[in-house]
Amino acid sequence: MSQTTQRRVVRKAMWRLLPILMAAFVVAYLDRLNISIGALEMRADTGLSAASFGLGAGIFFIAYFFFEVPSNLVLHRVGARRWIARIMWTWGVVTVAMMFVSGPISFYVLRALLGAAEAGFVPGVILYLSYWFPARERGKSFSWFQVAVPISFAFGSVGTGALLHLDGLSGLHGWQWIFVVTGGVAIAYGFVIWFFLPDGPDEARWLSSEERSWLLERMRAESDQKRSSGNHTLRASFSNPSVWFLSLLYFCIILGQWGIGFWLPQILAQRFADASHFQISMLSAAPWLVALLAIVPVSWNSDRTGERRWHLAIPCFVSAAGFFSSAYLAQPYLALAGTAVALVGLMAAVPVFWNLPTAALTGVAAASGIALINSLGNLSGFVGPYLLGLITEATGTAQHGVALLSLSLAAAGVLALRARQQPTPVALSDSSELRAPTRSGGGSDGTAAGR
């Protein structure tokens, strides 16, 4: 098969799969972060202090942590279509139930249930993409998937801010309408996943038989190459030092994402004291829109060169500088610009990071290892919002909390430079140049073909 045809196969997969998954990711982040705008009114109506809001925002990730690895192992066994649809239906129902929050205890319980319901979604999609895209092309797929994050933060802020205007409709507060609408969208989109997402290349009827055969052989060959470098069992993923190192690195990266994600509207409400709640939601959206500029170019250049460490470290250092400036610049618009710089670096770093574990793990170890890295890293979603809440309550300002995010991203940059650089993947080439073993049953090879 010619290289032109091979590239066409990858483009087909991107155009068919990524729009569906990007939209699902937008819905996921809306249901995680709808409380950031809702809190502008919800805290007063339910008696939530800054510390209790930070604890409830973060407790999502404690439940997420405990259910993440089991969820990804189930996905590896039963298939992405069924399991991702189930995840979306479950978290949609819990999100709608958030309308009944009446105080700290009910807030904590429902946020924990939401974390358990959504566990496995992000690592499940990352694992799923590793079934479809050769290593040299995987950064591109991750980057387009990551584009959904700032989109959801930006347009989610504006959309949920607009829902606050429904206050009083059918006897509900505006913040209650936020949960009803965003939860309902998740339930509806679960049916899109169920009917339109194939489990793997062998179910892709939009590929010709020749294209399917090449893609299956290519992914199987890469899986065998990774397996030959070490033990890729469930036990191995938990005992692999690289998995724990990458978990720490990911923790440091996304501490900034969750810290600023949950608190940015309330930080801006302090800095722009005369702005309305809807104006605050518009200001909250601006830095995330700017962040869109860097995600795809950085990942594509990393794929083109095969270099990962510096493509990860430099964005982390840029993000650290942006958070530091946003914390200590007195002029509100300059501080907002610093936040935009911070998010540019942060959003560019995440898709490059996910090349590291997917290049080293396969089979059951990929399912469990990716989930372990994601779940341990996402504990920062508990630490970041909770610490910012405590610092804000103790000092009356989130300034020093944002400086903490800067330190975390600086540490991530240092760790990135110490990460092991995996061998540069081969470019797309004829399947005859790859070892293409005969197809066998079972799912342990980490490809959808094995299912």
Protein backbone atom coordinates (compact mmCIF):
# COMPACT_ATOMS: atom_id res chain seq x y z
CA MET A 1 0.00 0.00 0.00
CA SER A 2 1.38 3.40 -0.99
CA GLN A 3 2.17 6.05 1.59
CA THR A 4 -0.51 8.29 0.04
CA THR A 5 -3.12 5.60 0.63
CA GLN A 6 -1.89 5.03 4.19
CA ARG A 7 -2.19 8.71 5.00
CA ARG A 8 -5.69 8.63 3.54
CA VAL A 9 -6.60 5.82 5.96
CA VAL A 10 -5.40 7.91 8.93
CA ARG A 11 -7.28 10.97 7.67
CA LYS A 12 -10.46 8.92 7.30
CA ALA A 13 -10.15 7.70 10.89
CA MET A 14 -9.58 11.25 12.13
CA TRP A 15 -12.55 12.71 10.30
CA ARG A 16 -14.87 9.86 11.30
CA LEU A 17 -13.89 9.45 14.96
CA LEU A 18 -12.51 12.70 16.31
CA PRO A 19 -15.62 14.88 15.83
CA ILE A 20 -17.69 12.32 17.78
CA LEU A 21 -15.11 12.05 20.55
CA MET A 22 -14.40 15.78 20.71
CA ALA A 23 -18.09 16.51 21.21
CA ALA A 24 -18.26 13.85 23.94
CA PHE A 25 -15.24 15.45 25.63
CA VAL A 26 -16.89 18.87 25.52
CA VAL A 27 -19.97 17.41 27.22
CA ALA A 28 -17.76 15.71 29.84
CA TYR A 29 -15.99 18.91 30.77
CA LEU A 30 -19.24 20.84 30.85
CA ASP A 31 -20.56 18.41 33.45
CA ARG A 32 -17.36 18.64 35.49
CA LEU A 33 -17.12 22.40 35.43
CA ASN A 34 -20.69 23.64 35.32
CA ILE A 35 -20.33 24.41 39.03
CA SER A 36 -17.63 27.02 38.31
CA ILE A 37 -20.24 29.40 36.84
CA GLY A 38 -23.11 28.00 38.91
CA ALA A 39 -21.17 28.81 42.08
CA LEU A 40 -21.61 32.54 41.39
CA GLU A 41 -25.21 32.08 42.64
CA MET A 42 -25.24 28.55 44.04
CA ARG A 43 -22.94 29.27 46.98
CA ALA A 44 -25.23 31.97 48.37
CA ASP A 45 -28.38 29.86 47.90
CA THR A 46 -26.95 26.71 49.51
CA GLY A 47 -24.64 28.18 52.18
CA LEU A 48 -21.38 26.88 50.67
CA SER A 49 -18.23 28.59 51.99
CA ALA A 50 -15.13 28.98 49.81
CA ALA A 51 -13.50 26.02 51.54
CA SER A 52 -16.58 23.78 51.26
CA PHE A 53 -16.97 24.68 47.57
CA GLY A 54 -13.31 23.82 46.95
CA LEU A 55 -13.69 20.53 48.81
CA GLY A 56 -16.83 19.59 46.91
CA ALA A 57 -15.31 20.56 43.57
CA GLY A 58 -12.30 18.39 44.31
CA ILE A 59 -14.04 15.41 45.91
CA PHE A 60 -15.17 14.44 42.42
CA PHE A 61 -11.60 13.30 41.77
CA ILE A 62 -11.35 11.12 44.86
CA ALA A 63 -14.21 8.93 43.63
CA TYR A 64 -12.79 9.21 40.11
CA PHE A 65 -9.49 7.83 41.40
CA PHE A 66 -10.97 4.65 42.89
CA PHE A 67 -13.07 3.72 39.85
CA GLU A 68 -10.71 4.76 37.03
CA VAL A 69 -8.62 1.61 36.58
CA PRO A 70 -11.53 -0.87 36.93
CA SER A 71 -13.52 1.17 34.41
CA ASN A 72 -10.74 1.08 31.81
CA LEU A 73 -10.26 -2.66 32.27
CA VAL A 74 -13.97 -3.19 31.61
CA LEU A 75 -13.76 -1.00 28.49
CA HIS A 76 -10.80 -3.08 27.28
CA ARG A 77 -12.97 -6.18 27.63
CA VAL A 78 -16.45 -5.11 26.47
CA GLY A 79 -15.54 -2.41 23.95
CA ALA A 80 -15.53 1.37 23.80
CA ARG A 81 -18.98 1.90 22.28
CA ARG A 82 -20.97 0.20 25.03
CA TRP A 83 -18.84 1.42 27.93
CA ILE A 84 -18.43 5.07 26.93
CA ALA A 85 -22.18 5.30 26.26
CA ARG A 86 -22.85 3.82 29.71
CA ILE A 87 -20.50 6.34 31.30
CA MET A 88 -22.29 9.25 29.63
CA TRP A 89 -25.77 8.06 30.62
CA THR A 90 -24.73 7.56 34.24
CA TRP A 91 -22.99 10.89 34.68
CA GLY A 92 -25.87 12.66 32.92
CA VAL A 93 -28.35 11.34 35.47
CA VAL A 94 -26.13 12.37 38.40
CA THR A 95 -25.60 15.83 36.90
CA VAL A 96 -29.34 16.41 36.69
CA ALA A 97 -29.59 15.30 40.34
CA MET A 98 -27.20 18.14 41.27
CA MET A 99 -30.20 20.46 41.05
CA PHE A 100 -31.24 19.10 44.46
CA VAL A 101 -28.10 20.32 46.28
CA SER A 102 -29.22 22.07 49.47
CA GLY A 103 -26.01 22.34 51.49
CA PRO A 104 -22.44 21.06 51.87
CA ILE A 105 -23.31 17.39 52.57
CA SER A 106 -25.57 16.91 49.56
CA PHE A 107 -23.00 18.78 47.45
CA TYR A 108 -20.19 16.44 48.56
CA VAL A 109 -22.27 13.28 48.01
CA LEU A 110 -23.41 14.19 44.51
CA ARG A 111 -19.96 15.36 43.42
CA ALA A 112 -18.52 12.03 44.61
CA LEU A 113 -21.21 10.13 42.70
CA LEU A 114 -20.43 12.19 39.60
CA GLY A 115 -16.73 11.28 39.87
CA ALA A 116 -17.59 7.58 40.15
CA ALA A 117 -19.97 7.83 37.18
CA GLU A 118 -17.48 9.58 34.89
CA ALA A 119 -14.44 7.48 35.88
CA GLY A 120 -12.80 5.89 32.88
CA PHE A 121 -14.00 8.30 30.22
CA VAL A 122 -10.76 10.17 29.47
CA PRO A 123 -8.33 7.21 29.76
CA GLY A 124 -10.87 5.10 27.90
CA VAL A 125 -10.82 7.48 24.95
CA ILE A 126 -7.00 7.70 25.07
CA LEU A 127 -6.82 3.90 25.02
CA TYR A 128 -9.37 3.83 22.20
CA LEU A 129 -7.30 6.23 20.08
CA SER A 130 -4.29 3.95 20.53
CA TYR A 131 -6.31 1.23 18.75
CA TRP A 132 -6.68 3.39 15.65
CA PHE A 133 -3.68 5.66 15.15
CA PRO A 134 -0.04 4.62 14.57
CA ALA A 135 2.39 6.08 17.09
CA ARG A 136 3.80 8.63 14.66
CA GLU A 137 0.30 10.02 14.06
CA ARG A 138 -1.07 9.69 17.58
CA GLY A 139 -0.03 13.13 18.80
CA LYS A 140 -2.26 14.70 16.15
CA SER A 141 -5.25 12.70 17.32
CA PHE A 142 -4.54 13.61 20.96
CA SER A 143 -4.22 17.28 20.07
CA TRP A 144 -7.58 17.44 18.31
CA PHE A 145 -9.16 15.62 21.24
CA GLN A 146 -7.54 18.13 23.61
CA VAL A 147 -8.98 21.02 21.59
CA ALA A 148 -12.29 20.09 23.20
CA VAL A 149 -11.01 21.20 26.64
CA PRO A 150 -10.67 24.96 26.03
CA ILE A 151 -13.79 24.85 23.84
CA SER A 152 -15.77 23.39 26.72
CA PHE A 153 -14.29 25.85 29.23
CA ALA A 154 -14.87 28.82 26.93
CA PHE A 155 -18.28 28.16 25.42
CA GLY A 156 -19.37 26.29 28.54
CA SER A 157 -18.69 29.43 30.56
CA VAL A 158 -20.76 31.55 28.21
CA GLY A 159 -23.54 28.97 27.82
CA THR A 160 -23.90 28.23 31.52
CA GLY A 161 -23.70 31.94 32.24
CA ALA A 162 -26.66 32.46 29.91
CA LEU A 163 -28.63 29.72 31.71
CA LEU A 164 -28.43 31.77 34.89
CA HIS A 165 -30.96 34.08 33.22
CA LEU A 166 -33.56 31.29 33.46
CA ASP A 167 -33.78 32.01 37.18
CA GLY A 168 -37.40 31.58 38.30
CA LEU A 169 -38.52 29.54 35.28
CA SER A 170 -40.65 26.59 36.50
CA GLY A 171 -39.74 27.56 40.03
CA LEU A 172 -36.05 26.71 39.60
CA HIS A 173 -32.99 28.84 40.25
CA GLY A 174 -30.69 29.66 37.32
CA TRP A 175 -27.94 27.44 38.73
CA GLN A 176 -30.40 24.52 38.88
CA TRP A 177 -31.16 24.96 35.18
CA ILE A 178 -27.42 24.63 34.49
CA PHE A 179 -27.46 21.10 35.90
CA VAL A 180 -30.73 20.11 34.21
CA VAL A 181 -29.54 21.21 30.76
CA THR A 182 -25.93 19.95 30.90
CA GLY A 183 -27.01 16.61 32.38
CA GLY A 184 -29.69 16.19 29.73
CA VAL A 185 -27.15 16.84 26.97
CA ALA A 186 -24.92 14.06 28.35
CA ILE A 187 -27.80 11.57 28.42
CA ALA A 188 -28.76 12.41 24.84
CA TYR A 189 -25.19 12.21 23.55
CA GLY A 190 -24.75 8.74 25.03
CA PHE A 191 -27.07 7.51 22.25
CA VAL A 192 -24.79 9.09 19.62
CA ILE A 193 -21.88 7.07 21.03
CA TRP A 194 -23.97 3.89 21.11
CA PHE A 195 -25.08 4.12 17.47
CA PHE A 196 -22.11 5.74 15.71
CA LEU A 197 -18.83 4.80 17.44
CA PRO A 198 -17.21 1.58 16.14
CA ASP A 199 -15.29 -0.50 18.68
CA GLY A 200 -12.24 -0.87 16.42
CA PRO A 201 -10.89 -0.82 12.86
CA ASP A 202 -12.37 -4.25 12.10
CA GLU A 203 -15.86 -2.71 12.50
CA ALA A 204 -15.13 0.36 10.34
CA ARG A 205 -17.31 -0.17 7.26
CA TRP A 206 -16.12 3.15 5.89
CA LEU A 207 -12.68 1.59 5.31
CA SER A 208 -12.11 -0.75 2.39
CA SER A 209 -11.01 -4.31 3.18
CA GLU A 210 -7.46 -3.42 2.09
CA GLU A 211 -7.42 -0.32 4.31
CA ARG A 212 -8.75 -2.27 7.30
CA SER A 213 -6.15 -5.00 6.81
CA TRP A 214 -3.30 -2.51 6.64
CA LEU A 215 -4.44 -0.60 9.74
CA LEU A 216 -5.00 -3.78 11.76
CA GLU A 217 -1.58 -5.13 10.79
CA ARG A 218 0.11 -1.81 11.50
CA MET A 219 -1.40 -1.51 14.97
CA ARG A 220 -0.69 -5.17 15.75
CA ALA A 221 2.95 -4.75 14.70
CA GLU A 222 3.39 -1.72 16.95
CA SER A 223 1.74 -3.59 19.80
CA ASP A 224 4.14 -6.51 19.38
CA GLN A 225 7.13 -4.18 19.23
CA LYS A 226 6.12 -2.60 22.55
CA ARG A 227 5.41 -5.99 24.11
CA SER A 228 8.86 -7.25 23.17
CA SER A 229 10.46 -4.48 25.24
CA GLY A 230 9.08 -5.78 28.53
CA ASN A 231 6.25 -7.35 30.49
CA HIS A 232 2.91 -5.74 29.67
CA THR A 233 0.60 -7.41 32.16
CA LEU A 234 -1.75 -5.81 34.69
CA ARG A 235 0.77 -6.41 37.50
CA ALA A 236 3.56 -4.90 35.41
CA SER A 237 1.71 -1.62 34.96
CA PHE A 238 1.47 -1.17 38.75
CA SER A 239 5.11 -2.08 39.36
CA ASN A 240 6.53 -0.07 36.46
CA PRO A 241 8.50 2.95 37.81
CA SER A 242 7.77 4.86 34.60
CA VAL A 243 4.03 4.68 35.27
CA TRP A 244 4.50 6.27 38.71
CA PHE A 245 6.92 8.88 37.35
CA LEU A 246 4.46 9.82 34.60
CA SER A 247 1.65 9.98 37.15
CA LEU A 248 3.63 12.57 39.15
CA LEU A 249 4.42 14.53 36.00
CA TYR A 250 0.76 14.53 34.94
CA PHE A 251 -0.30 15.57 38.46
CA CYS A 252 1.93 18.64 38.28
CA ILE A 253 0.66 19.57 34.82
CA ILE A 254 -3.06 19.42 35.40
CA LEU A 255 -3.01 20.87 38.91
CA GLY A 256 -3.06 24.15 37.01
CA GLN A 257 -5.95 23.11 34.79
CA TRP A 258 -8.26 22.14 37.63
CA GLY A 259 -7.17 24.89 39.99
CA ILE A 260 -7.85 27.66 37.50
CA GLY A 261 -10.77 25.85 35.87
CA PHE A 262 -12.92 25.77 39.00
CA TRP A 263 -11.86 29.13 40.42
CA LEU A 264 -11.31 31.47 37.45
CA PRO A 265 -14.87 32.92 37.43
CA GLN A 266 -14.69 33.68 41.15
CA ILE A 267 -11.17 35.14 40.82
CA LEU A 268 -12.40 37.40 38.03
CA ALA A 269 -15.44 38.38 40.07
CA GLN A 270 -13.02 39.78 42.68
CA ARG A 271 -10.87 41.60 40.11
CA PHE A 272 -13.81 42.95 38.06
CA ALA A 273 -16.09 43.84 40.95
CA ASP A 274 -18.54 45.89 38.85
CA ALA A 275 -19.10 43.18 36.20
CA SER A 276 -22.32 41.17 36.02
CA HIS A 277 -22.30 37.39 36.33
CA PHE A 278 -22.77 37.02 32.57
CA GLN A 279 -19.89 39.44 31.90
CA ILE A 280 -17.73 37.35 34.24
CA SER A 281 -18.62 34.24 32.23
CA MET A 282 -17.53 36.05 29.03
CA LEU A 283 -14.24 37.12 30.61
CA SER A 284 -13.70 33.54 31.84
CA ALA A 285 -14.06 32.27 28.29
CA ALA A 286 -11.42 34.57 26.76
CA PRO A 287 -8.21 32.87 28.05
CA TRP A 288 -9.48 29.45 26.98
CA LEU A 289 -10.16 30.68 23.45
CA VAL A 290 -6.61 32.04 23.25
CA ALA A 291 -5.32 28.63 24.42
CA LEU A 292 -6.73 27.03 21.27
CA LEU A 293 -3.92 28.61 19.27
CA ALA A 294 -1.14 26.36 20.56
CA ILE A 295 -2.64 22.90 20.99
CA VAL A 296 -2.45 21.50 17.48
CA PRO A 297 0.76 23.20 16.18
CA VAL A 298 2.89 22.04 19.14
CA SER A 299 1.63 18.44 18.93
CA TRP A 300 2.04 18.30 15.17
CA ASN A 301 5.60 19.58 15.36
CA SER A 302 6.33 17.02 18.08
CA ASP A 303 4.99 14.28 15.79
CA ARG A 304 6.99 15.62 12.84
CA THR A 305 10.29 15.67 14.73
CA GLY A 306 9.62 12.68 17.00
CA GLU A 307 10.83 14.79 19.95
CA ARG A 308 8.68 14.80 23.10
CA ARG A 309 10.58 16.11 26.15
CA TRP A 310 11.29 19.68 25.04
CA HIS A 311 7.88 19.93 23.37
CA LEU A 312 6.46 19.13 26.81
CA ALA A 313 8.88 21.06 29.03
CA ILE A 314 8.78 24.42 27.22
CA PRO A 315 4.97 24.75 27.35
CA CYS A 316 5.09 23.88 31.06
CA PHE A 317 7.60 26.67 31.72
CA VAL A 318 5.51 29.11 29.64
CA SER A 319 2.46 28.16 31.69
CA ALA A 320 4.37 28.67 34.95
CA ALA A 321 5.40 32.16 33.87
CA GLY A 322 1.83 33.00 32.87
CA PHE A 323 0.35 31.88 36.20
CA PHE A 324 3.00 33.80 38.14
CA SER A 325 2.32 37.01 36.23
CA SER A 326 -1.46 36.62 36.57
CA ALA A 327 -1.07 36.26 40.34
CA TYR A 328 0.95 39.41 40.91
CA LEU A 329 -0.01 41.85 38.15
CA ALA A 330 -2.30 44.44 39.71
CA GLN A 331 -4.01 45.63 36.51
CA PRO A 332 -6.99 43.25 35.95
CA TYR A 333 -6.67 42.97 32.15
CA LEU A 334 -2.92 42.32 32.34
CA ALA A 335 -3.59 39.61 34.92
CA LEU A 336 -6.19 38.13 32.56
CA ALA A 337 -3.59 38.16 29.78
CA GLY A 338 -1.20 36.31 32.08
CA THR A 339 -3.88 33.67 32.63
CA ALA A 340 -4.25 33.34 28.85
CA VAL A 341 -0.48 32.74 28.49
CA ALA A 342 -0.66 30.15 31.27
CA LEU A 343 -3.45 28.28 29.52
CA VAL A 344 -1.67 28.40 26.15
CA GLY A 345 1.27 26.53 27.67
CA LEU A 346 -0.91 24.20 29.70
CA MET A 347 -3.15 23.15 26.81
CA ALA A 348 -0.14 22.62 24.51
CA ALA A 349 1.53 20.35 27.08
CA VAL A 350 -1.26 17.84 27.74
CA PRO A 351 -1.54 16.13 24.30
CA VAL A 352 2.26 15.91 24.04
CA PHE A 353 2.34 14.24 27.46
CA TRP A 354 -0.01 11.42 26.42
CA ASN A 355 2.47 10.30 23.77
CA LEU A 356 4.76 9.09 26.57
CA PRO A 357 2.61 6.36 28.18
CA THR A 358 0.97 5.22 24.93
CA ALA A 359 4.41 4.76 23.35
CA ALA A 360 5.55 2.48 26.18
CA LEU A 361 2.50 0.41 27.15
CA THR A 362 0.30 -2.07 25.35
CA GLY A 363 -2.39 -4.67 26.04
CA VAL A 364 -3.81 -4.89 29.57
CA ALA A 365 -0.90 -2.79 30.83
CA ALA A 366 -2.00 0.02 28.51
CA ALA A 367 -5.59 -0.16 29.78
CA SER A 368 -4.54 -0.20 33.45
CA GLY A 369 -1.41 1.97 33.14
CA ILE A 370 -3.10 4.81 31.25
CA ALA A 371 -6.00 4.72 33.71
CA LEU A 372 -3.61 4.70 36.68
CA ILE A 373 -1.65 7.67 35.34
CA ASN A 374 -4.85 9.58 34.64
CA SER A 375 -6.45 8.77 38.00
CA LEU A 376 -3.34 9.58 40.06
CA GLY A 377 -2.74 12.74 38.05
CA ASN A 378 -6.34 13.79 38.44
CA LEU A 379 -6.01 13.72 42.21
CA SER A 380 -4.70 17.21 41.53
CA GLY A 381 -8.32 17.99 40.74
CA PHE A 382 -8.95 17.50 44.44
CA VAL A 383 -5.77 19.18 45.69
CA GLY A 384 -5.88 22.25 43.42
CA PRO A 385 -9.44 23.52 43.99
CA TYR A 386 -9.37 22.63 47.69
CA LEU A 387 -6.07 24.44 48.33
CA LEU A 388 -7.25 27.49 46.40
CA GLY A 389 -10.41 27.47 48.50
CA LEU A 390 -8.47 27.28 51.77
CA ILE A 391 -6.00 29.97 50.68
CA THR A 392 -8.79 32.24 49.47
CA GLU A 393 -10.72 31.84 52.72
CA ALA A 394 -7.60 32.43 54.83
CA THR A 395 -6.22 35.44 52.94
CA GLY A 396 -9.29 36.91 51.26
CA THR A 397 -7.65 36.54 47.83
CA ALA A 398 -6.73 33.71 45.46
CA GLN A 399 -3.41 35.41 44.55
CA HIS A 400 -1.13 33.05 46.47
CA GLY A 401 -3.13 30.05 45.31
CA VAL A 402 -2.49 30.97 41.69
CA ALA A 403 1.22 31.31 42.52
CA LEU A 404 1.06 27.70 43.75
CA LEU A 405 -0.16 26.68 40.29
CA SER A 406 2.90 28.42 38.84
CA LEU A 407 5.23 26.36 41.02
CA SER A 408 3.47 23.16 39.99
CA LEU A 409 3.92 23.87 36.28
CA ALA A 410 7.58 24.79 36.81
CA ALA A 411 8.09 21.44 38.55
CA ALA A 412 6.35 19.73 35.62
CA GLY A 413 8.80 21.35 33.20
CA VAL A 414 11.77 20.02 35.19
CA LEU A 415 10.24 16.53 35.38
CA ALA A 416 9.50 16.58 31.64
CA LEU A 417 13.20 17.04 30.89
CA ARG A 418 13.93 13.94 32.96
CA ALA A 419 11.31 11.81 31.22
CA ARG A 420 12.50 8.88 29.18
CA GLN A 421 12.40 9.64 25.45
CA GLN A 422 10.85 6.68 23.65
CA PRO A 423 12.39 5.63 20.32
CA THR A 424 11.08 7.73 17.44
CA PRO A 425 8.26 5.83 15.77
CA VAL A 426 8.71 4.90 12.14
CA ALA A 427 6.85 6.97 9.61
CA LEU A 428 3.92 5.57 7.69
CA SER A 429 5.28 2.93 5.35
CA ASP A 430 4.36 -0.22 3.53
CA SER A 431 3.02 -2.96 5.76
CA SER A 432 5.66 -5.22 4.22
CA GLU A 433 8.27 -3.27 6.16
CA LEU A 434 6.51 -4.11 9.41
CA ARG A 435 6.26 -7.40 11.19
CA ALA A 436 2.63 -8.32 10.60
CA PRO A 437 1.76 -11.44 12.58
CA THR A 438 -1.23 -13.55 11.77
CA ARG A 439 -4.43 -12.42 13.38
CA SER A 440 -5.41 -14.31 16.49
CA GLY A 441 -8.27 -14.17 18.97
CA GLY A 442 -8.31 -12.61 22.42
CA GLY A 443 -8.05 -9.02 23.52
CA SER A 444 -4.63 -8.97 25.20
CA ASP A 445 -2.82 -7.36 22.30
CA GLY A 446 -4.39 -4.01 23.12
CA THR A 447 -6.00 -3.60 19.70
CA ALA A 448 -9.63 -3.59 18.88
CA ALA A 449 -8.98 -6.38 16.40
CA GLY A 450 -8.43 -8.74 19.24
CA ARG A 451 -11.90 -8.29 20.52
